Amino acid sequence: MLLLVGTGSFIGGIFRYLIAQVVHAKFLSTFPLGTLIVNIIGCFFIGFVFGLTDKFNLNQELRLFLAVGLLGGFTTFSAFSGETFCLFRDGQFWYATAYILTSVFLGLAATYIGNLTTKIIA
């Protein structure tokens, strides 16, 4: 089990890094858009995995690999927390507040839509 979770986390972390780097290179800003995009994508897919688990009763190994490993390594809530702290620390209160609100509300919406998608397509 640990190897499955660790392997998934390794892969997810690589994807997180690559996507965030591409976004940050294209959109030069102090707003952490790369992390926001990664978190929203991750929220969608964790909702999707939860929906598949409910609908098809995924085995524990696959669920752990996908949800805990791959998506756990991919999403970046700790990075979100650190970046929000830095925005507040640097006096960018508007960016910090916008980042918190969009991350939470869009993340929850994406999780719901990801879960709903499994009911539509499967």
PDB file of N, CA and C in Angstrom:
ATOM      1  N   MET A   1       0.824  -1.186   0.000  1.00  0.00           N
ATOM      2  CA  MET A   1       0.000   0.000   0.000  1.00  0.00           C
ATOM      3  C   MET A   1       0.877   1.263   0.000  1.00  0.00           C
ATOM      4  N   LEU A   2       1.903   1.264   0.812  1.00  0.00           N
ATOM      5  CA  LEU A   2       2.776   2.431   0.870  1.00  0.00           C
ATOM      6  C   LEU A   2       3.457   2.693  -0.469  1.00  0.00           C
ATOM      7  N   LEU A   3       3.835   1.639  -1.156  1.00  0.00           N
ATOM      8  CA  LEU A   3       4.472   1.792  -2.462  1.00  0.00           C
ATOM      9  C   LEU A   3       3.489   2.377  -3.481  1.00  0.00           C
ATOM     10  N   LEU A   4       2.240   1.935  -3.440  1.00  0.00           N
ATOM     11  CA  LEU A   4       1.218   2.486  -4.343  1.00  0.00           C
ATOM     12  C   LEU A   4       1.002   3.975  -4.080  1.00  0.00           C
ATOM     13  N   VAL A   5       0.839   4.330  -2.823  1.00  0.00           N
ATOM     14  CA  VAL A   5       0.620   5.731  -2.464  1.00  0.00           C
ATOM     15  C   VAL A   5       1.853   6.565  -2.813  1.00  0.00           C
ATOM     16  N   GLY A   6       3.033   6.052  -2.483  1.00  0.00           N
ATOM     17  CA  GLY A   6       4.264   6.784  -2.765  1.00  0.00           C
ATOM     18  C   GLY A   6       4.501   6.984  -4.255  1.00  0.00           C
ATOM     19  N   THR A   7       4.246   5.952  -5.041  1.00  0.00           N
ATOM     20  CA  THR A   7       4.409   6.058  -6.489  1.00  0.00           C
ATOM     21  C   THR A   7       3.424   7.060  -7.070  1.00  0.00           C
ATOM     22  N   GLY A   8       2.171   6.986  -6.631  1.00  0.00           N
ATOM     23  CA  GLY A   8       1.158   7.940  -7.085  1.00  0.00           C
ATOM     24  C   GLY A   8       1.520   9.363  -6.710  1.00  0.00           C
ATOM     25  N   SER A   9       2.001   9.539  -5.505  1.00  0.00           N
ATOM     26  CA  SER A   9       2.388  10.871  -5.033  1.00  0.00           C
ATOM     27  C   SER A   9       3.562  11.421  -5.840  1.00  0.00           C
ATOM     28  N   PHE A  10       4.518  10.570  -6.144  1.00  0.00           N
ATOM     29  CA  PHE A  10       5.663  10.958  -6.968  1.00  0.00           C
ATOM     30  C   PHE A  10       5.204  11.464  -8.337  1.00  0.00           C
ATOM     31  N   ILE A  11       4.318  10.707  -8.972  1.00  0.00           N
ATOM     32  CA  ILE A  11       3.804  11.086 -10.290  1.00  0.00           C
ATOM     33  C   ILE A  11       2.985  12.374 -10.193  1.00  0.00           C
ATOM     34  N   GLY A  12       2.112  12.455  -9.196  1.00  0.00           N
ATOM     35  CA  GLY A  12       1.292  13.645  -9.010  1.00  0.00           C
ATOM     36  C   GLY A  12       2.123  14.882  -8.752  1.00  0.00           C
ATOM     37  N   GLY A  13       3.173  14.747  -7.952  1.00  0.00           N
ATOM     38  CA  GLY A  13       4.047  15.884  -7.664  1.00  0.00           C
ATOM     39  C   GLY A  13       4.763  16.394  -8.903  1.00  0.00           C
ATOM     40  N   ILE A  14       5.169  15.482  -9.766  1.00  0.00           N
ATOM     41  CA  ILE A  14       5.819  15.885 -11.018  1.00  0.00           C
ATOM     42  C   ILE A  14       4.840  16.656 -11.891  1.00  0.00           C
ATOM     43  N   PHE A  15       3.622  16.138 -12.032  1.00  0.00           N
ATOM     44  CA  PHE A  15       2.614  16.844 -12.834  1.00  0.00           C
ATOM     45  C   PHE A  15       2.292  18.212 -12.253  1.00  0.00           C
ATOM     46  N   ARG A  16       2.187  18.287 -10.922  1.00  0.00           N
ATOM     47  CA  ARG A  16       1.921  19.575 -10.274  1.00  0.00           C
ATOM     48  C   ARG A  16       3.012  20.577 -10.624  1.00  0.00           C
ATOM     49  N   TYR A  17       4.238  20.171 -10.489  1.00  0.00           N
ATOM     50  CA  TYR A  17       5.362  21.059 -10.766  1.00  0.00           C
ATOM     51  C   TYR A  17       5.353  21.522 -12.221  1.00  0.00           C
ATOM     52  N   LEU A  18       5.176  20.596 -13.140  1.00  0.00           N
ATOM     53  CA  LEU A  18       5.211  20.951 -14.560  1.00  0.00           C
ATOM     54  C   LEU A  18       4.084  21.907 -14.940  1.00  0.00           C
ATOM     55  N   ILE A  19       2.876  21.619 -14.494  1.00  0.00           N
ATOM     56  CA  ILE A  19       1.743  22.491 -14.824  1.00  0.00           C
ATOM     57  C   ILE A  19       1.930  23.869 -14.220  1.00  0.00           C
ATOM     58  N   ALA A  20       2.327  23.935 -12.962  1.00  0.00           N
ATOM     59  CA  ALA A  20       2.531  25.244 -12.308  1.00  0.00           C
ATOM     60  C   ALA A  20       3.620  26.040 -13.020  1.00  0.00           C
ATOM     61  N   GLN A  21       4.684  25.389 -13.445  1.00  0.00           N
ATOM     62  CA  GLN A  21       5.766  26.084 -14.144  1.00  0.00           C
ATOM     63  C   GLN A  21       5.298  26.653 -15.475  1.00  0.00           C
ATOM     64  N   VAL A  22       4.522  25.889 -16.221  1.00  0.00           N
ATOM     65  CA  VAL A  22       4.007  26.356 -17.507  1.00  0.00           C
ATOM     66  C   VAL A  22       3.094  27.561 -17.308  1.00  0.00           C
ATOM     67  N   VAL A  23       2.203  27.483 -16.349  1.00  0.00           N
ATOM     68  CA  VAL A  23       1.274  28.585 -16.092  1.00  0.00           C
ATOM     69  C   VAL A  23       2.036  29.825 -15.640  1.00  0.00           C
ATOM     70  N   HIS A  24       2.964  29.668 -14.715  1.00  0.00           N
ATOM     71  CA  HIS A  24       3.728  30.821 -14.217  1.00  0.00           C
ATOM     72  C   HIS A  24       4.579  31.450 -15.318  1.00  0.00           C
ATOM     73  N   ALA A  25       5.053  30.648 -16.260  1.00  0.00           N
ATOM     74  CA  ALA A  25       5.852  31.185 -17.370  1.00  0.00           C
ATOM     75  C   ALA A  25       4.982  31.989 -18.339  1.00  0.00           C
ATOM     76  N   LYS A  26       3.734  31.587 -18.497  1.00  0.00           N
ATOM     77  CA  LYS A  26       2.841  32.269 -19.438  1.00  0.00           C
ATOM     78  C   LYS A  26       2.164  33.494 -18.832  1.00  0.00           C
ATOM     79  N   PHE A  27       1.924  33.473 -17.536  1.00  0.00           N
ATOM     80  CA  PHE A  27       1.220  34.556 -16.860  1.00  0.00           C
ATOM     81  C   PHE A  27       2.095  35.104 -15.743  1.00  0.00           C
ATOM     82  N   LEU A  28       2.910  36.067 -16.065  1.00  0.00           N
ATOM     83  CA  LEU A  28       3.809  36.653 -15.080  1.00  0.00           C
ATOM     84  C   LEU A  28       2.999  37.541 -14.135  1.00  0.00           C
ATOM     85  N   SER A  29       2.889  37.107 -12.897  1.00  0.00           N
ATOM     86  CA  SER A  29       2.098  37.828 -11.907  1.00  0.00           C
ATOM     87  C   SER A  29       2.498  37.345 -10.523  1.00  0.00           C
ATOM     88  N   THR A  30       2.219  38.162  -9.529  1.00  0.00           N
ATOM     89  CA  THR A  30       2.443  37.709  -8.160  1.00  0.00           C
ATOM     90  C   THR A  30       1.297  36.827  -7.677  1.00  0.00           C
ATOM     91  N   PHE A  31       0.188  36.809  -8.423  1.00  0.00           N
ATOM     92  CA  PHE A  31      -0.948  35.945  -8.072  1.00  0.00           C
ATOM     93  C   PHE A  31      -0.581  34.497  -8.392  1.00  0.00           C
ATOM     94  N   PRO A  32      -0.749  33.566  -7.462  1.00  0.00           N
ATOM     95  CA  PRO A  32      -0.326  32.171  -7.653  1.00  0.00           C
ATOM     96  C   PRO A  32      -1.301  31.374  -8.522  1.00  0.00           C
ATOM     97  N   LEU A  33      -1.435  31.766  -9.780  1.00  0.00           N
ATOM     98  CA  LEU A  33      -2.389  31.158 -10.702  1.00  0.00           C
ATOM     99  C   LEU A  33      -2.075  29.684 -10.967  1.00  0.00           C
ATOM    100  N   GLY A  34      -0.809  29.328 -11.068  1.00  0.00           N
ATOM    101  CA  GLY A  34      -0.452  27.927 -11.319  1.00  0.00           C
ATOM    102  C   GLY A  34      -0.959  27.006 -10.232  1.00  0.00           C
ATOM    103  N   THR A  35      -0.769  27.381  -8.984  1.00  0.00           N
ATOM    104  CA  THR A  35      -1.249  26.564  -7.868  1.00  0.00           C
ATOM    105  C   THR A  35      -2.773  26.527  -7.850  1.00  0.00           C
ATOM    106  N   LEU A  36      -3.411  27.646  -8.134  1.00  0.00           N
ATOM    107  CA  LEU A  36      -4.871  27.689  -8.183  1.00  0.00           C
ATOM    108  C   LEU A  36      -5.394  26.718  -9.237  1.00  0.00           C
ATOM    109  N   ILE A  37      -4.823  26.743 -10.426  1.00  0.00           N
ATOM    110  CA  ILE A  37      -5.268  25.858 -11.510  1.00  0.00           C
ATOM    111  C   ILE A  37      -5.056  24.393 -11.131  1.00  0.00           C
ATOM    112  N   VAL A  38      -3.897  24.079 -10.578  1.00  0.00           N
ATOM    113  CA  VAL A  38      -3.620  22.707 -10.160  1.00  0.00           C
ATOM    114  C   VAL A  38      -4.623  22.254  -9.101  1.00  0.00           C
ATOM    115  N   ASN A  39      -4.919  23.107  -8.139  1.00  0.00           N
ATOM    116  CA  ASN A  39      -5.872  22.728  -7.089  1.00  0.00           C
ATOM    117  C   ASN A  39      -7.270  22.493  -7.645  1.00  0.00           C
ATOM    118  N   ILE A  40      -7.714  23.324  -8.580  1.00  0.00           N
ATOM    119  CA  ILE A  40      -9.052  23.151  -9.156  1.00  0.00           C
ATOM    120  C   ILE A  40      -9.112  21.856  -9.965  1.00  0.00           C
ATOM    121  N   ILE A  41      -8.087  21.600 -10.774  1.00  0.00           N
ATOM    122  CA  ILE A  41      -8.028  20.342 -11.532  1.00  0.00           C
ATOM    123  C   ILE A  41      -8.028  19.148 -10.576  1.00  0.00           C
ATOM    124  N   GLY A  42      -7.216  19.230  -9.525  1.00  0.00           N
ATOM    125  CA  GLY A  42      -7.147  18.148  -8.541  1.00  0.00           C
ATOM    126  C   GLY A  42      -8.474  17.922  -7.841  1.00  0.00           C
ATOM    127  N   CYS A  43      -9.155  19.003  -7.503  1.00  0.00           N
ATOM    128  CA  CYS A  43     -10.471  18.874  -6.859  1.00  0.00           C
ATOM    129  C   CYS A  43     -11.470  18.184  -7.782  1.00  0.00           C
ATOM    130  N   PHE A  44     -11.448  18.568  -9.064  1.00  0.00           N
ATOM    131  CA  PHE A  44     -12.342  17.910 -10.026  1.00  0.00           C
ATOM    132  C   PHE A  44     -12.082  16.408 -10.055  1.00  0.00           C
ATOM    133  N   PHE A  45     -10.812  16.037 -10.193  1.00  0.00           N
ATOM    134  CA  PHE A  45     -10.496  14.624 -10.339  1.00  0.00           C
ATOM    135  C   PHE A  45     -10.693  13.827  -9.057  1.00  0.00           C
ATOM    136  N   ILE A  46     -10.541  14.459  -7.891  1.00  0.00           N
ATOM    137  CA  ILE A  46     -10.813  13.697  -6.671  1.00  0.00           C
ATOM    138  C   ILE A  46     -12.317  13.453  -6.542  1.00  0.00           C
ATOM    139  N   GLY A  47     -13.119  14.426  -6.977  1.00  0.00           N
ATOM    140  CA  GLY A  47     -14.567  14.200  -7.026  1.00  0.00           C
ATOM    141  C   GLY A  47     -14.921  13.085  -7.991  1.00  0.00           C
ATOM    142  N   PHE A  48     -14.221  13.055  -9.115  1.00  0.00           N
ATOM    143  CA  PHE A  48     -14.424  12.013 -10.121  1.00  0.00           C
ATOM    144  C   PHE A  48     -14.076  10.639  -9.552  1.00  0.00           C
ATOM    145  N   VAL A  49     -12.949  10.543  -8.857  1.00  0.00           N
ATOM    146  CA  VAL A  49     -12.542   9.267  -8.242  1.00  0.00           C
ATOM    147  C   VAL A  49     -13.563   8.843  -7.192  1.00  0.00           C
ATOM    148  N   PHE A  50     -14.041   9.793  -6.375  1.00  0.00           N
ATOM    149  CA  PHE A  50     -15.058   9.456  -5.379  1.00  0.00           C
ATOM    150  C   PHE A  50     -16.325   8.934  -6.057  1.00  0.00           C
ATOM    151  N   GLY A  51     -16.710   9.580  -7.159  1.00  0.00           N
ATOM    152  CA  GLY A  51     -17.893   9.137  -7.902  1.00  0.00           C
ATOM    153  C   GLY A  51     -17.709   7.747  -8.479  1.00  0.00           C
ATOM    154  N   LEU A  52     -16.536   7.477  -9.055  1.00  0.00           N
ATOM    155  CA  LEU A  52     -16.256   6.139  -9.589  1.00  0.00           C
ATOM    156  C   LEU A  52     -16.256   5.094  -8.483  1.00  0.00           C
ATOM    157  N   THR A  53     -15.711   5.462  -7.326  1.00  0.00           N
ATOM    158  CA  THR A  53     -15.693   4.540  -6.194  1.00  0.00           C
ATOM    159  C   THR A  53     -17.114   4.199  -5.768  1.00  0.00           C
ATOM    160  N   ASP A  54     -17.978   5.220  -5.701  1.00  0.00           N
ATOM    161  CA  ASP A  54     -19.376   4.988  -5.314  1.00  0.00           C
ATOM    162  C   ASP A  54     -20.102   4.126  -6.350  1.00  0.00           C
ATOM    163  N   LYS A  55     -19.862   4.413  -7.621  1.00  0.00           N
ATOM    164  CA  LYS A  55     -20.612   3.748  -8.686  1.00  0.00           C
ATOM    165  C   LYS A  55     -20.096   2.334  -8.978  1.00  0.00           C
ATOM    166  N   PHE A  56     -18.771   2.164  -8.986  1.00  0.00           N
ATOM    167  CA  PHE A  56     -18.200   0.886  -9.404  1.00  0.00           C
ATOM    168  C   PHE A  56     -17.464   0.149  -8.294  1.00  0.00           C
ATOM    169  N   ASN A  57     -17.490   0.689  -7.089  1.00  0.00           N
ATOM    170  CA  ASN A  57     -16.829   0.055  -5.944  1.00  0.00           C
ATOM    171  C   ASN A  57     -15.371  -0.296  -6.274  1.00  0.00           C
ATOM    172  N   LEU A  58     -14.590   0.760  -6.628  1.00  0.00           N
ATOM    173  CA  LEU A  58     -13.171   0.559  -6.951  1.00  0.00           C
ATOM    174  C   LEU A  58     -12.464  -0.160  -5.813  1.00  0.00           C
ATOM    175  N   ASN A  59     -11.518  -1.016  -6.156  1.00  0.00           N
ATOM    176  CA  ASN A  59     -10.800  -1.714  -5.097  1.00  0.00           C
ATOM    177  C   ASN A  59      -9.924  -0.715  -4.333  1.00  0.00           C
ATOM    178  N   GLN A  60      -9.590  -1.098  -3.132  1.00  0.00           N
ATOM    179  CA  GLN A  60      -8.878  -0.205  -2.219  1.00  0.00           C
ATOM    180  C   GLN A  60      -7.526   0.227  -2.777  1.00  0.00           C
ATOM    181  N   GLU A  61      -6.817  -0.664  -3.436  1.00  0.00           N
ATOM    182  CA  GLU A  61      -5.498  -0.334  -3.967  1.00  0.00           C
ATOM    183  C   GLU A  61      -5.576   0.766  -5.022  1.00  0.00           C
ATOM    184  N   LEU A  62      -6.517   0.635  -5.955  1.00  0.00           N
ATOM    185  CA  LEU A  62      -6.665   1.644  -7.006  1.00  0.00           C
ATOM    186  C   LEU A  62      -7.113   2.980  -6.422  1.00  0.00           C
ATOM    187  N   ARG A  63      -8.053   2.924  -5.489  1.00  0.00           N
ATOM    188  CA  ARG A  63      -8.528   4.156  -4.848  1.00  0.00           C
ATOM    189  C   ARG A  63      -7.407   4.857  -4.099  1.00  0.00           C
ATOM    190  N   LEU A  64      -6.606   4.109  -3.367  1.00  0.00           N
ATOM    191  CA  LEU A  64      -5.481   4.702  -2.644  1.00  0.00           C
ATOM    192  C   LEU A  64      -4.453   5.296  -3.610  1.00  0.00           C
ATOM    193  N   PHE A  65      -4.141   4.567  -4.677  1.00  0.00           N
ATOM    194  CA  PHE A  65      -3.187   5.069  -5.661  1.00  0.00           C
ATOM    195  C   PHE A  65      -3.679   6.385  -6.266  1.00  0.00           C
ATOM    196  N   LEU A  66      -4.944   6.427  -6.682  1.00  0.00           N
ATOM    197  CA  LEU A  66      -5.476   7.615  -7.349  1.00  0.00           C
ATOM    198  C   LEU A  66      -5.740   8.774  -6.386  1.00  0.00           C
ATOM    199  N   ALA A  67      -6.507   8.522  -5.332  1.00  0.00           N
ATOM    200  CA  ALA A  67      -6.957   9.609  -4.455  1.00  0.00           C
ATOM    201  C   ALA A  67      -5.870  10.072  -3.494  1.00  0.00           C
ATOM    202  N   VAL A  68      -5.256   9.159  -2.794  1.00  0.00           N
ATOM    203  CA  VAL A  68      -4.257   9.532  -1.786  1.00  0.00           C
ATOM    204  C   VAL A  68      -2.904   9.806  -2.437  1.00  0.00           C
ATOM    205  N   GLY A  69      -2.500   8.916  -3.354  1.00  0.00           N
ATOM    206  CA  GLY A  69      -1.194   9.052  -3.982  1.00  0.00           C
ATOM    207  C   GLY A  69      -1.162  10.102  -5.080  1.00  0.00           C
ATOM    208  N   LEU A  70      -1.724   9.778  -6.236  1.00  0.00           N
ATOM    209  CA  LEU A  70      -1.637  10.651  -7.407  1.00  0.00           C
ATOM    210  C   LEU A  70      -2.223  12.035  -7.148  1.00  0.00           C
ATOM    211  N   LEU A  71      -3.466  12.087  -6.695  1.00  0.00           N
ATOM    212  CA  LEU A  71      -4.099  13.393  -6.494  1.00  0.00           C
ATOM    213  C   LEU A  71      -3.610  14.087  -5.228  1.00  0.00           C
ATOM    214  N   GLY A  72      -3.243  13.322  -4.221  1.00  0.00           N
ATOM    215  CA  GLY A  72      -2.644  13.915  -3.019  1.00  0.00           C
ATOM    216  C   GLY A  72      -1.310  14.564  -3.326  1.00  0.00           C
ATOM    217  N   GLY A  73      -0.533  13.931  -4.200  1.00  0.00           N
ATOM    218  CA  GLY A  73       0.740  14.509  -4.619  1.00  0.00           C
ATOM    219  C   GLY A  73       0.554  15.656  -5.596  1.00  0.00           C
ATOM    220  N   PHE A  74      -0.540  15.623  -6.339  1.00  0.00           N
ATOM    221  CA  PHE A  74      -0.807  16.639  -7.353  1.00  0.00           C
ATOM    222  C   PHE A  74      -1.336  17.939  -6.753  1.00  0.00           C
ATOM    223  N   THR A  75      -2.287  17.835  -5.848  1.00  0.00           N
ATOM    224  CA  THR A  75      -2.859  19.043  -5.257  1.00  0.00           C
ATOM    225  C   THR A  75      -1.885  19.665  -4.273  1.00  0.00           C
ATOM    226  N   THR A  76      -2.073  20.918  -4.006  1.00  0.00           N
ATOM    227  CA  THR A  76      -1.025  21.670  -3.313  1.00  0.00           C
ATOM    228  C   THR A  76      -1.597  22.583  -2.225  1.00  0.00           C
ATOM    229  N   PHE A  77      -2.367  22.012  -1.351  1.00  0.00           N
ATOM    230  CA  PHE A  77      -2.970  22.876  -0.341  1.00  0.00           C
ATOM    231  C   PHE A  77      -1.932  23.504   0.571  1.00  0.00           C
ATOM    232  N   SER A  78      -0.857  22.793   0.821  1.00  0.00           N
ATOM    233  CA  SER A  78       0.188  23.398   1.651  1.00  0.00           C
ATOM    234  C   SER A  78       0.845  24.559   0.912  1.00  0.00           C
ATOM    235  N   ALA A  79       1.027  24.424  -0.372  1.00  0.00           N
ATOM    236  CA  ALA A  79       1.553  25.544  -1.164  1.00  0.00           C
ATOM    237  C   ALA A  79       0.560  26.697  -1.147  1.00  0.00           C
ATOM    238  N   PHE A  80      -0.725  26.382  -1.230  1.00  0.00           N
ATOM    239  CA  PHE A  80      -1.780  27.398  -1.154  1.00  0.00           C
ATOM    240  C   PHE A  80      -1.661  28.186   0.153  1.00  0.00           C
ATOM    241  N   SER A  81      -1.488  27.482   1.232  1.00  0.00           N
ATOM    242  CA  SER A  81      -1.382  28.135   2.535  1.00  0.00           C
ATOM    243  C   SER A  81      -0.161  29.042   2.611  1.00  0.00           C
ATOM    244  N   GLY A  82       0.970  28.535   2.160  1.00  0.00           N
ATOM    245  CA  GLY A  82       2.194  29.340   2.181  1.00  0.00           C
ATOM    246  C   GLY A  82       2.111  30.556   1.283  1.00  0.00           C
ATOM    247  N   GLU A  83       1.555  30.391   0.098  1.00  0.00           N
ATOM    248  CA  GLU A  83       1.429  31.514  -0.832  1.00  0.00           C
ATOM    249  C   GLU A  83       0.456  32.564  -0.301  1.00  0.00           C
ATOM    250  N   THR A  84      -0.639  32.106   0.319  1.00  0.00           N
ATOM    251  CA  THR A  84      -1.594  33.046   0.901  1.00  0.00           C
ATOM    252  C   THR A  84      -0.933  33.843   2.016  1.00  0.00           C
ATOM    253  N   PHE A  85      -0.179  33.157   2.848  1.00  0.00           N
ATOM    254  CA  PHE A  85       0.552  33.833   3.915  1.00  0.00           C
ATOM    255  C   PHE A  85       1.471  34.914   3.342  1.00  0.00           C
ATOM    256  N   CYS A  86       2.201  34.561   2.289  1.00  0.00           N
ATOM    257  CA  CYS A  86       3.128  35.523   1.678  1.00  0.00           C
ATOM    258  C   CYS A  86       2.392  36.709   1.070  1.00  0.00           C
ATOM    259  N   LEU A  87       1.246  36.468   0.457  1.00  0.00           N
ATOM    260  CA  LEU A  87       0.460  37.574  -0.098  1.00  0.00           C
ATOM    261  C   LEU A  87       0.032  38.528   1.020  1.00  0.00           C
ATOM    262  N   PHE A  88      -0.483  37.992   2.113  1.00  0.00           N
ATOM    263  CA  PHE A  88      -0.860  38.837   3.264  1.00  0.00           C
ATOM    264  C   PHE A  88       0.372  39.549   3.823  1.00  0.00           C
ATOM    265  N   ARG A  89       1.443  38.813   4.002  1.00  0.00           N
ATOM    266  CA  ARG A  89       2.679  39.368   4.546  1.00  0.00           C
ATOM    267  C   ARG A  89       3.195  40.529   3.693  1.00  0.00           C
ATOM    268  N   ASP A  90       3.044  40.386   2.365  1.00  0.00           N
ATOM    269  CA  ASP A  90       3.532  41.407   1.438  1.00  0.00           C
ATOM    270  C   ASP A  90       2.524  42.525   1.192  1.00  0.00           C
ATOM    271  N   GLY A  91       1.432  42.532   1.954  1.00  0.00           N
ATOM    272  CA  GLY A  91       0.451  43.608   1.844  1.00  0.00           C
ATOM    273  C   GLY A  91      -0.482  43.498   0.657  1.00  0.00           C
ATOM    274  N   GLN A  92      -0.518  42.340   0.005  1.00  0.00           N
ATOM    275  CA  GLN A  92      -1.397  42.154  -1.147  1.00  0.00           C
ATOM    276  C   GLN A  92      -2.709  41.519  -0.685  1.00  0.00           C
ATOM    277  N   PHE A  93      -3.457  42.312   0.078  1.00  0.00           N
ATOM    278  CA  PHE A  93      -4.663  41.800   0.726  1.00  0.00           C
ATOM    279  C   PHE A  93      -5.733  41.407  -0.289  1.00  0.00           C
ATOM    280  N   TRP A  94      -5.875  42.172  -1.362  1.00  0.00           N
ATOM    281  CA  TRP A  94      -6.880  41.852  -2.384  1.00  0.00           C
ATOM    282  C   TRP A  94      -6.554  40.502  -3.037  1.00  0.00           C
ATOM    283  N   TYR A  95      -5.305  40.302  -3.456  1.00  0.00           N
ATOM    284  CA  TYR A  95      -4.904  39.030  -4.058  1.00  0.00           C
ATOM    285  C   TYR A  95      -5.097  37.883  -3.070  1.00  0.00           C
ATOM    286  N   ALA A  96      -4.719  38.082  -1.832  1.00  0.00           N
ATOM    287  CA  ALA A  96      -4.849  37.022  -0.829  1.00  0.00           C
ATOM    288  C   ALA A  96      -6.308  36.630  -0.640  1.00  0.00           C
ATOM    289  N   THR A  97      -7.163  37.624  -0.503  1.00  0.00           N
ATOM    290  CA  THR A  97      -8.590  37.350  -0.310  1.00  0.00           C
ATOM    291  C   THR A  97      -9.195  36.693  -1.541  1.00  0.00           C
ATOM    292  N   ALA A  98      -8.865  37.199  -2.727  1.00  0.00           N
ATOM    293  CA  ALA A  98      -9.372  36.614  -3.970  1.00  0.00           C
ATOM    294  C   ALA A  98      -8.890  35.175  -4.125  1.00  0.00           C
ATOM    295  N   TYR A  99      -7.656  34.927  -3.771  1.00  0.00           N
ATOM    296  CA  TYR A  99      -7.078  33.582  -3.869  1.00  0.00           C
ATOM    297  C   TYR A  99      -7.792  32.610  -2.942  1.00  0.00           C
ATOM    298  N   ILE A 100      -8.035  33.020  -1.712  1.00  0.00           N
ATOM    299  CA  ILE A 100      -8.735  32.154  -0.753  1.00  0.00           C
ATOM    300  C   ILE A 100     -10.137  31.832  -1.257  1.00  0.00           C
ATOM    301  N   LEU A 101     -10.881  32.859  -1.633  1.00  0.00           N
ATOM    302  CA  LEU A 101     -12.275  32.665  -2.036  1.00  0.00           C
ATOM    303  C   LEU A 101     -12.393  31.825  -3.306  1.00  0.00           C
ATOM    304  N   THR A 102     -11.578  32.132  -4.322  1.00  0.00           N
ATOM    305  CA  THR A 102     -11.691  31.363  -5.563  1.00  0.00           C
ATOM    306  C   THR A 102     -11.216  29.929  -5.365  1.00  0.00           C
ATOM    307  N   SER A 103     -10.178  29.716  -4.580  1.00  0.00           N
ATOM    308  CA  SER A 103      -9.701  28.353  -4.343  1.00  0.00           C
ATOM    309  C   SER A 103     -10.764  27.508  -3.656  1.00  0.00           C
ATOM    310  N   VAL A 104     -11.373  28.050  -2.627  1.00  0.00           N
ATOM    311  CA  VAL A 104     -12.366  27.280  -1.869  1.00  0.00           C
ATOM    312  C   VAL A 104     -13.625  27.056  -2.687  1.00  0.00           C
ATOM    313  N   PHE A 105     -14.202  28.118  -3.236  1.00  0.00           N
ATOM    314  CA  PHE A 105     -15.477  27.981  -3.939  1.00  0.00           C
ATOM    315  C   PHE A 105     -15.326  27.219  -5.256  1.00  0.00           C
ATOM    316  N   LEU A 106     -14.313  27.526  -6.060  1.00  0.00           N
ATOM    317  CA  LEU A 106     -14.127  26.790  -7.310  1.00  0.00           C
ATOM    318  C   LEU A 106     -13.684  25.356  -7.043  1.00  0.00           C
ATOM    319  N   GLY A 107     -12.900  25.146  -5.988  1.00  0.00           N
ATOM    320  CA  GLY A 107     -12.497  23.785  -5.626  1.00  0.00           C
ATOM    321  C   GLY A 107     -13.692  22.920  -5.258  1.00  0.00           C
ATOM    322  N   LEU A 108     -14.578  23.452  -4.432  1.00  0.00           N
ATOM    323  CA  LEU A 108     -15.782  22.700  -4.058  1.00  0.00           C
ATOM    324  C   LEU A 108     -16.678  22.468  -5.267  1.00  0.00           C
ATOM    325  N   ALA A 109     -16.823  23.487  -6.114  1.00  0.00           N
ATOM    326  CA  ALA A 109     -17.644  23.344  -7.319  1.00  0.00           C
ATOM    327  C   ALA A 109     -17.049  22.296  -8.260  1.00  0.00           C
ATOM    328  N   ALA A 110     -15.739  22.309  -8.442  1.00  0.00           N
ATOM    329  CA  ALA A 110     -15.093  21.337  -9.320  1.00  0.00           C
ATOM    330  C   ALA A 110     -15.223  19.918  -8.771  1.00  0.00           C
ATOM    331  N   THR A 111     -15.117  19.755  -7.446  1.00  0.00           N
ATOM    332  CA  THR A 111     -15.295  18.438  -6.838  1.00  0.00           C
ATOM    333  C   THR A 111     -16.714  17.929  -7.087  1.00  0.00           C
ATOM    334  N   TYR A 112     -17.690  18.797  -6.905  1.00  0.00           N
ATOM    335  CA  TYR A 112     -19.088  18.435  -7.146  1.00  0.00           C
ATOM    336  C   TYR A 112     -19.290  18.062  -8.618  1.00  0.00           C
ATOM    337  N   ILE A 113     -18.776  18.859  -9.538  1.00  0.00           N
ATOM    338  CA  ILE A 113     -18.941  18.602 -10.968  1.00  0.00           C
ATOM    339  C   ILE A 113     -18.221  17.319 -11.373  1.00  0.00           C
ATOM    340  N   GLY A 114     -17.035  17.081 -10.818  1.00  0.00           N
ATOM    341  CA  GLY A 114     -16.323  15.838 -11.093  1.00  0.00           C
ATOM    342  C   GLY A 114     -17.128  14.635 -10.653  1.00  0.00           C
ATOM    343  N   ASN A 115     -17.728  14.714  -9.480  1.00  0.00           N
ATOM    344  CA  ASN A 115     -18.558  13.628  -8.975  1.00  0.00           C
ATOM    345  C   ASN A 115     -19.805  13.470  -9.830  1.00  0.00           C
ATOM    346  N   LEU A 116     -20.440  14.577 -10.192  1.00  0.00           N
ATOM    347  CA  LEU A 116     -21.635  14.553 -11.024  1.00  0.00           C
ATOM    348  C   LEU A 116     -21.336  13.961 -12.399  1.00  0.00           C
ATOM    349  N   THR A 117     -20.159  14.242 -12.933  1.00  0.00           N
ATOM    350  CA  THR A 117     -19.775  13.736 -14.250  1.00  0.00           C
ATOM    351  C   THR A 117     -19.800  12.210 -14.292  1.00  0.00           C
ATOM    352  N   THR A 118     -19.424  11.558 -13.196  1.00  0.00           N
ATOM    353  CA  THR A 118     -19.431  10.093 -13.180  1.00  0.00           C
ATOM    354  C   THR A 118     -20.859   9.562 -13.270  1.00  0.00           C
ATOM    355  N   LYS A 119     -21.823  10.305 -12.796  1.00  0.00           N
ATOM    356  CA  LYS A 119     -23.213   9.862 -12.866  1.00  0.00           C
ATOM    357  C   LYS A 119     -23.767  10.048 -14.275  1.00  0.00           C
ATOM    358  N   ILE A 120     -23.213  10.993 -15.025  1.00  0.00           N
ATOM    359  CA  ILE A 120     -23.678  11.264 -16.378  1.00  0.00           C
ATOM    360  C   ILE A 120     -23.060  10.298 -17.390  1.00  0.00           C
ATOM    361  N   ILE A 121     -21.746  10.041 -17.263  1.00  0.00           N
ATOM    362  CA  ILE A 121     -21.060   9.260 -18.287  1.00  0.00           C
ATOM    363  C   ILE A 121     -21.022   7.766 -18.006  1.00  0.00           C
ATOM    364  N   ALA A 122     -21.251   7.392 -16.786  1.00  0.00           N
ATOM    365  CA  ALA A 122     -21.103   5.960 -16.478  1.00  0.00           C
ATOM    366  C   ALA A 122     -22.429   5.326 -16.121  1.00  0.00           C
TER     367      ALA A 122
END
